Amino acid sequence: MIHPRTLKILVVVLLLHAGVLMLIQLGLIQPPPHKEEPPELQVNLIPATPPQPVRAPEPPKPEPAKPTPPKPVNIVKPVARPKPAPMPAPTLPPSDNAPVVPAAPPAPPPPPVEAAPAPAPAPAGPISVGINDIQCNDPPLTYPTMSQKMGEEGRAVVKVTIGPDGVVTNTAVITSSGSPRLDRAALDAARNLRCSPYKQNGRAMTVVANKPFVFKLDN
């Protein structure tokens, strides 16, 4: 007796097969393609070419032997013998009969040279002298017109520096006349002074002197 469960399985399998056959007939399922067997290949074996025998290399030809160069011959030069040194001439003793030459008398000593006197040292600055110790021309004194109108009078003393050539190099008012116009006129007159060079020990010196200038209306 078949078991009911087994019977159900058989029925299901039969139905599946029937369904597959129906689908194949309807063309819905194509049967698996028929496998074609691969064609047979024919292989012809070609015999391998036998290797050619390897030729042995020819032995190198022996090089001809080079001739041995001749050895240099050392020529020995004859050694020159030194010449004998000449014998010195014998020195003869002085003769007793030789004339005696008297010695020359010593020269007299030169006379002493007298030293020249040293020049007197130059002074450090200009020396002060009196205006009468130097020869100067008296320049014309110009009286300022304004001072004449205003009745200005006075006496101005100007310090004058005179170089070695007798030319005035500097002027300065040391005593004022009381009027600036008169002081300027005194300075102008002092600059126009011309003096002879003042010499001391034969040398021209720079000197300083005081020159007065008087302004009076009655002049």
C-alpha atoms as a PDB file:
ATOM      1  CA  MET A   1       0.000   0.000   0.000  1.00  0.00           C
ATOM      2  CA  ILE A   2       1.422   3.442  -1.078  1.00  0.00           C
ATOM      3  CA  HIS A   3       1.629   6.062   1.523  1.00  0.00           C
ATOM      4  CA  PRO A   4      -0.596   9.074   0.823  1.00  0.00           C
ATOM      5  CA  ARG A   5       2.307  11.512   1.109  1.00  0.00           C
ATOM      6  CA  THR A   6       4.330   9.617  -1.414  1.00  0.00           C
ATOM      7  CA  LEU A   7       1.363   9.529  -3.735  1.00  0.00           C
ATOM      8  CA  LYS A   8       1.041  13.287  -3.566  1.00  0.00           C
ATOM      9  CA  ILE A   9       4.699  13.719  -4.480  1.00  0.00           C
ATOM     10  CA  LEU A  10       4.327  11.423  -7.509  1.00  0.00           C
ATOM     11  CA  VAL A  11       1.263  13.307  -8.717  1.00  0.00           C
ATOM     12  CA  VAL A  12       3.103  16.618  -8.431  1.00  0.00           C
ATOM     13  CA  VAL A  13       6.081  15.287 -10.398  1.00  0.00           C
ATOM     14  CA  LEU A  14       3.834  13.959 -13.146  1.00  0.00           C
ATOM     15  CA  LEU A  15       2.027  17.262 -13.402  1.00  0.00           C
ATOM     16  CA  LEU A  16       5.334  19.112 -13.692  1.00  0.00           C
ATOM     17  CA  HIS A  17       6.530  16.875 -16.498  1.00  0.00           C
ATOM     18  CA  ALA A  18       3.221  17.241 -18.300  1.00  0.00           C
ATOM     19  CA  GLY A  19       3.397  20.993 -18.007  1.00  0.00           C
ATOM     20  CA  VAL A  20       6.939  21.102 -19.345  1.00  0.00           C
ATOM     21  CA  LEU A  21       5.988  18.956 -22.339  1.00  0.00           C
ATOM     22  CA  MET A  22       3.034  21.216 -23.090  1.00  0.00           C
ATOM     23  CA  LEU A  23       5.236  24.326 -22.971  1.00  0.00           C
ATOM     24  CA  ILE A  24       7.744  22.700 -25.331  1.00  0.00           C
ATOM     25  CA  GLN A  25       5.024  21.862 -27.804  1.00  0.00           C
ATOM     26  CA  LEU A  26       3.645  25.375 -27.675  1.00  0.00           C
ATOM     27  CA  GLY A  27       7.168  26.730 -28.392  1.00  0.00           C
ATOM     28  CA  LEU A  28       7.375  28.608 -25.154  1.00  0.00           C
ATOM     29  CA  ILE A  29      10.343  26.559 -24.007  1.00  0.00           C
ATOM     30  CA  GLN A  30      13.051  25.446 -26.427  1.00  0.00           C
ATOM     31  CA  PRO A  31      14.743  22.166 -25.789  1.00  0.00           C
ATOM     32  CA  PRO A  32      18.450  22.405 -24.886  1.00  0.00           C
ATOM     33  CA  PRO A  33      20.642  22.709 -28.013  1.00  0.00           C
ATOM     34  CA  HIS A  34      22.430  19.665 -29.248  1.00  0.00           C
ATOM     35  CA  LYS A  35      26.102  19.872 -28.447  1.00  0.00           C
ATOM     36  CA  GLU A  36      28.320  19.484 -31.499  1.00  0.00           C
ATOM     37  CA  GLU A  37      31.492  17.582 -30.996  1.00  0.00           C
ATOM     38  CA  PRO A  38      34.637  19.584 -31.824  1.00  0.00           C
ATOM     39  CA  PRO A  39      36.326  18.640 -35.079  1.00  0.00           C
ATOM     40  CA  GLU A  40      39.366  16.444 -34.880  1.00  0.00           C
ATOM     41  CA  LEU A  41      42.731  18.080 -35.477  1.00  0.00           C
ATOM     42  CA  GLN A  42      45.462  16.272 -37.326  1.00  0.00           C
ATOM     43  CA  VAL A  43      49.038  17.201 -36.349  1.00  0.00           C
ATOM     44  CA  ASN A  44      52.047  16.200 -38.474  1.00  0.00           C
ATOM     45  CA  LEU A  45      55.284  16.120 -36.514  1.00  0.00           C
ATOM     46  CA  ILE A  46      58.337  17.484 -38.475  1.00  0.00           C
ATOM     47  CA  PRO A  47      61.632  16.025 -37.358  1.00  0.00           C
ATOM     48  CA  ALA A  48      63.984  18.671 -35.875  1.00  0.00           C
ATOM     49  CA  THR A  49      67.103  19.661 -37.877  1.00  0.00           C
ATOM     50  CA  PRO A  50      70.178  18.216 -36.234  1.00  0.00           C
ATOM     51  CA  PRO A  51      72.550  20.953 -34.904  1.00  0.00           C
ATOM     52  CA  GLN A  52      75.685  21.676 -36.939  1.00  0.00           C
ATOM     53  CA  PRO A  53      78.951  20.836 -35.304  1.00  0.00           C
ATOM     54  CA  VAL A  54      80.720  23.840 -33.719  1.00  0.00           C
ATOM     55  CA  ARG A  55      84.108  24.548 -35.277  1.00  0.00           C
ATOM     56  CA  ALA A  56      86.925  24.985 -32.800  1.00  0.00           C
ATOM     57  CA  PRO A  57      88.746  28.385 -33.134  1.00  0.00           C
ATOM     58  CA  GLU A  58      92.094  28.255 -34.861  1.00  0.00           C
ATOM     59  CA  PRO A  59      95.035  28.680 -32.488  1.00  0.00           C
ATOM     60  CA  PRO A  60      96.714  32.141 -32.739  1.00  0.00           C
ATOM     61  CA  LYS A  61      99.803  32.335 -34.862  1.00  0.00           C
ATOM     62  CA  PRO A  62     102.965  32.856 -32.808  1.00  0.00           C
ATOM     63  CA  GLU A  63     104.452  36.377 -33.201  1.00  0.00           C
ATOM     64  CA  PRO A  64     108.022  36.533 -34.429  1.00  0.00           C
ATOM     65  CA  ALA A  65     110.509  37.180 -31.635  1.00  0.00           C
ATOM     66  CA  LYS A  66     111.764  40.773 -31.489  1.00  0.00           C
ATOM     67  CA  PRO A  67     115.503  41.226 -31.634  1.00  0.00           C
ATOM     68  CA  THR A  68     117.071  42.234 -28.319  1.00  0.00           C
ATOM     69  CA  PRO A  69     118.394  45.844 -28.529  1.00  0.00           C
ATOM     70  CA  PRO A  70     122.136  46.166 -27.907  1.00  0.00           C
ATOM     71  CA  LYS A  71     123.106  47.400 -24.478  1.00  0.00           C
ATOM     72  CA  PRO A  72     124.559  50.958 -24.370  1.00  0.00           C
ATOM     73  CA  VAL A  73     128.293  51.056 -23.912  1.00  0.00           C
ATOM     74  CA  ASN A  74     129.486  53.575 -21.295  1.00  0.00           C
ATOM     75  CA  ILE A  75     132.512  55.444 -22.606  1.00  0.00           C
ATOM     76  CA  VAL A  76     134.811  56.365 -19.732  1.00  0.00           C
ATOM     77  CA  LYS A  77     136.502  59.729 -20.276  1.00  0.00           C
ATOM     78  CA  PRO A  78     140.077  60.018 -19.084  1.00  0.00           C
ATOM     79  CA  VAL A  79     140.409  62.099 -15.937  1.00  0.00           C
ATOM     80  CA  ALA A  80     142.572  65.161 -16.495  1.00  0.00           C
ATOM     81  CA  ARG A  81     145.352  65.423 -13.987  1.00  0.00           C
ATOM     82  CA  PRO A  82     145.599  68.772 -12.147  1.00  0.00           C
ATOM     83  CA  LYS A  83     148.468  70.991 -13.181  1.00  0.00           C
ATOM     84  CA  PRO A  84     151.050  71.665 -10.498  1.00  0.00           C
ATOM     85  CA  ALA A  85     150.735  75.114  -8.900  1.00  0.00           C
ATOM     86  CA  PRO A  86     153.549  77.516  -9.791  1.00  0.00           C
ATOM     87  CA  MET A  87     156.083  78.036  -7.060  1.00  0.00           C
ATOM     88  CA  PRO A  88     156.009  81.546  -5.526  1.00  0.00           C
ATOM     89  CA  ALA A  89     159.022  83.702  -6.196  1.00  0.00           C
ATOM     90  CA  PRO A  90     161.292  83.969  -3.170  1.00  0.00           C
ATOM     91  CA  THR A  91     161.017  87.277  -1.286  1.00  0.00           C
ATOM     92  CA  LEU A  92     164.361  89.024  -1.045  1.00  0.00           C
ATOM     93  CA  PRO A  93     165.233  90.801   2.219  1.00  0.00           C
ATOM     94  CA  PRO A  94     165.527  94.589   1.944  1.00  0.00           C
ATOM     95  CA  SER A  95     168.989  95.828   1.101  1.00  0.00           C
ATOM     96  CA  ASP A  96     170.876  97.876   3.670  1.00  0.00           C
ATOM     97  CA  ASN A  97     172.123 100.201   0.915  1.00  0.00           C
ATOM     98  CA  ALA A  98     168.592 101.338  -0.150  1.00  0.00           C
ATOM     99  CA  PRO A  99     168.108 105.161   0.133  1.00  0.00           C
ATOM    100  CA  VAL A 100     165.883 106.316   3.016  1.00  0.00           C
ATOM    101  CA  VAL A 101     163.017 108.599   1.892  1.00  0.00           C
ATOM    102  CA  PRO A 102     162.176 111.219   4.567  1.00  0.00           C
ATOM    103  CA  ALA A 103     158.527 111.400   5.649  1.00  0.00           C
ATOM    104  CA  ALA A 104     156.467 114.398   4.448  1.00  0.00           C
ATOM    105  CA  PRO A 105     155.769 117.008   7.145  1.00  0.00           C
ATOM    106  CA  PRO A 106     152.151 117.087   8.388  1.00  0.00           C
ATOM    107  CA  ALA A 107     149.871 119.693   6.787  1.00  0.00           C
ATOM    108  CA  PRO A 108     149.129 122.718   8.952  1.00  0.00           C
ATOM    109  CA  PRO A 109     145.611 122.747  10.462  1.00  0.00           C
ATOM    110  CA  PRO A 110     143.081 125.001   8.680  1.00  0.00           C
ATOM    111  CA  PRO A 111     142.329 128.319  10.308  1.00  0.00           C
ATOM    112  CA  PRO A 112     139.191 128.328  12.458  1.00  0.00           C
ATOM    113  CA  VAL A 113     136.099 129.549  10.628  1.00  0.00           C
ATOM    114  CA  GLU A 114     134.342 132.332  12.436  1.00  0.00           C
ATOM    115  CA  ALA A 115     130.658 131.563  12.904  1.00  0.00           C
ATOM    116  CA  ALA A 116     128.291 134.087  11.355  1.00  0.00           C
ATOM    117  CA  PRO A 117     126.300 136.007  13.922  1.00  0.00           C
ATOM    118  CA  ALA A 118     122.856 134.576  14.410  1.00  0.00           C
ATOM    119  CA  PRO A 119     120.084 136.813  13.087  1.00  0.00           C
ATOM    120  CA  ALA A 120     118.040 138.558  15.675  1.00  0.00           C
ATOM    121  CA  PRO A 121     114.791 136.743  16.355  1.00  0.00           C
ATOM    122  CA  ALA A 122     111.773 138.291  14.718  1.00  0.00           C
ATOM    123  CA  PRO A 123     109.213 139.719  17.139  1.00  0.00           C
ATOM    124  CA  ALA A 124     106.115 137.665  17.764  1.00  0.00           C
ATOM    125  CA  GLY A 125     103.814 140.501  16.590  1.00  0.00           C
ATOM    126  CA  PRO A 126     103.849 144.071  15.333  1.00  0.00           C
ATOM    127  CA  ILE A 127     105.863 146.489  17.442  1.00  0.00           C
ATOM    128  CA  SER A 128     104.437 149.777  18.669  1.00  0.00           C
ATOM    129  CA  VAL A 129     106.119 152.968  17.500  1.00  0.00           C
ATOM    130  CA  GLY A 130     105.276 156.626  17.605  1.00  0.00           C
ATOM    131  CA  ILE A 131     103.617 158.166  14.601  1.00  0.00           C
ATOM    132  CA  ASN A 132     106.621 160.505  14.295  1.00  0.00           C
ATOM    133  CA  ASP A 133     109.031 157.504  14.121  1.00  0.00           C
ATOM    134  CA  ILE A 134     107.702 156.570  10.717  1.00  0.00           C
ATOM    135  CA  GLN A 135     107.587 158.713   7.613  1.00  0.00           C
ATOM    136  CA  CYS A 136     103.974 158.984   6.476  1.00  0.00           C
ATOM    137  CA  ASN A 137     102.204 161.464   4.237  1.00  0.00           C
ATOM    138  CA  ASP A 138      99.340 163.433   5.722  1.00  0.00           C
ATOM    139  CA  PRO A 139      96.226 162.695   3.612  1.00  0.00           C
ATOM    140  CA  PRO A 140      93.661 165.464   3.185  1.00  0.00           C
ATOM    141  CA  LEU A 141      91.023 165.312   5.923  1.00  0.00           C
ATOM    142  CA  THR A 142      87.470 165.466   4.559  1.00  0.00           C
ATOM    143  CA  TYR A 143      85.054 167.235   6.891  1.00  0.00           C
ATOM    144  CA  PRO A 144      81.566 165.716   6.564  1.00  0.00           C
ATOM    145  CA  THR A 145      79.046 168.266   5.203  1.00  0.00           C
ATOM    146  CA  MET A 146      76.326 167.227   7.646  1.00  0.00           C
ATOM    147  CA  SER A 147      78.748 167.634  10.564  1.00  0.00           C
ATOM    148  CA  GLN A 148      79.584 171.148   9.334  1.00  0.00           C
ATOM    149  CA  LYS A 149      75.902 172.088   9.116  1.00  0.00           C
ATOM    150  CA  MET A 150      75.255 170.684  12.583  1.00  0.00           C
ATOM    151  CA  GLY A 151      78.413 172.299  13.995  1.00  0.00           C
ATOM    152  CA  GLU A 152      80.051 168.991  15.042  1.00  0.00           C
ATOM    153  CA  GLU A 153      83.707 169.203  16.150  1.00  0.00           C
ATOM    154  CA  GLY A 154      86.026 166.714  17.823  1.00  0.00           C
ATOM    155  CA  ARG A 155      89.302 164.822  17.961  1.00  0.00           C
ATOM    156  CA  ALA A 156      89.479 161.135  16.961  1.00  0.00           C
ATOM    157  CA  VAL A 157      92.516 158.882  17.541  1.00  0.00           C
ATOM    158  CA  VAL A 158      92.902 155.937  15.137  1.00  0.00           C
ATOM    159  CA  LYS A 159      95.176 152.936  15.738  1.00  0.00           C
ATOM    160  CA  VAL A 160      96.924 152.184  12.434  1.00  0.00           C
ATOM    161  CA  THR A 161      98.743 148.898  11.545  1.00  0.00           C
ATOM    162  CA  ILE A 162     101.398 149.332   8.851  1.00  0.00           C
ATOM    163  CA  GLY A 163     102.944 146.297   7.072  1.00  0.00           C
ATOM    164  CA  PRO A 164     106.602 145.784   6.041  1.00  0.00           C
ATOM    165  CA  ASP A 165     105.822 147.369   2.660  1.00  0.00           C
ATOM    166  CA  GLY A 166     104.473 150.568   4.252  1.00  0.00           C
ATOM    167  CA  VAL A 167     100.828 149.892   3.386  1.00  0.00           C
ATOM    168  CA  VAL A 168      98.100 150.271   6.026  1.00  0.00           C
ATOM    169  CA  THR A 169      96.585 146.859   6.765  1.00  0.00           C
ATOM    170  CA  ASN A 170      94.218 147.660   9.654  1.00  0.00           C
ATOM    171  CA  THR A 171      92.549 150.653  11.347  1.00  0.00           C
ATOM    172  CA  ALA A 172      90.502 151.069  14.535  1.00  0.00           C
ATOM    173  CA  VAL A 173      89.153 154.073  16.495  1.00  0.00           C
ATOM    174  CA  ILE A 174      90.582 153.988  20.021  1.00  0.00           C
ATOM    175  CA  THR A 175      89.380 157.486  21.031  1.00  0.00           C
ATOM    176  CA  SER A 176      86.047 158.694  19.612  1.00  0.00           C
ATOM    177  CA  SER A 177      85.397 162.303  18.585  1.00  0.00           C
ATOM    178  CA  GLY A 178      81.854 162.066  19.928  1.00  0.00           C
ATOM    179  CA  SER A 179      80.341 161.962  16.445  1.00  0.00           C
ATOM    180  CA  PRO A 180      80.035 158.774  14.399  1.00  0.00           C
ATOM    181  CA  ARG A 181      80.310 160.812  11.208  1.00  0.00           C
ATOM    182  CA  LEU A 182      83.601 162.357  12.309  1.00  0.00           C
ATOM    183  CA  ASP A 183      84.934 158.916  13.415  1.00  0.00           C
ATOM    184  CA  ARG A 184      84.157 157.451   9.978  1.00  0.00           C
ATOM    185  CA  ALA A 185      85.898 160.378   8.294  1.00  0.00           C
ATOM    186  CA  ALA A 186      88.971 159.770  10.500  1.00  0.00           C
ATOM    187  CA  LEU A 187      89.042 156.061   9.524  1.00  0.00           C
ATOM    188  CA  ASP A 188      88.827 156.940   5.813  1.00  0.00           C
ATOM    189  CA  ALA A 189      91.762 159.335   6.154  1.00  0.00           C
ATOM    190  CA  ALA A 190      93.831 156.735   8.090  1.00  0.00           C
ATOM    191  CA  ARG A 191      93.325 154.079   5.349  1.00  0.00           C
ATOM    192  CA  ASN A 192      94.789 156.498   2.788  1.00  0.00           C
ATOM    193  CA  LEU A 193      98.091 156.853   4.707  1.00  0.00           C
ATOM    194  CA  ARG A 194     101.244 155.908   2.774  1.00  0.00           C
ATOM    195  CA  CYS A 195     104.392 155.282   4.872  1.00  0.00           C
ATOM    196  CA  SER A 196     107.969 154.200   4.350  1.00  0.00           C
ATOM    197  CA  PRO A 197     108.807 150.660   5.582  1.00  0.00           C
ATOM    198  CA  TYR A 198     109.986 150.666   9.179  1.00  0.00           C
ATOM    199  CA  LYS A 199     113.283 148.746   9.416  1.00  0.00           C
ATOM    200  CA  GLN A 200     115.016 147.252  12.457  1.00  0.00           C
ATOM    201  CA  ASN A 201     118.474 145.624  12.065  1.00  0.00           C
ATOM    202  CA  GLY A 202     118.076 145.914   8.327  1.00  0.00           C
ATOM    203  CA  ARG A 203     114.717 144.128   8.273  1.00  0.00           C
ATOM    204  CA  ALA A 204     111.351 145.711   7.439  1.00  0.00           C
ATOM    205  CA  MET A 205     108.925 145.281  10.322  1.00  0.00           C
ATOM    206  CA  THR A 206     105.177 145.481  10.886  1.00  0.00           C
ATOM    207  CA  VAL A 207     104.423 148.358  13.255  1.00  0.00           C
ATOM    208  CA  VAL A 208     101.449 149.896  15.063  1.00  0.00           C
ATOM    209  CA  ALA A 209     101.028 153.646  15.632  1.00  0.00           C
ATOM    210  CA  ASN A 210      98.290 155.966  16.880  1.00  0.00           C
ATOM    211  CA  LYS A 211      97.278 158.733  14.479  1.00  0.00           C
ATOM    212  CA  PRO A 212      95.116 161.673  15.762  1.00  0.00           C
ATOM    213  CA  PHE A 213      92.642 163.524  13.539  1.00  0.00           C
ATOM    214  CA  VAL A 214      91.214 166.929  14.626  1.00  0.00           C
ATOM    215  CA  PHE A 215      87.971 168.375  13.235  1.00  0.00           C
ATOM    216  CA  LYS A 216      87.394 172.138  13.806  1.00  0.00           C
ATOM    217  CA  LEU A 217      85.012 174.389  11.936  1.00  0.00           C
ATOM    218  CA  ASP A 218      87.385 177.384  11.851  1.00  0.00           C
ATOM    219  CA  ASN A 219      89.862 175.264   9.848  1.00  0.00           C
END
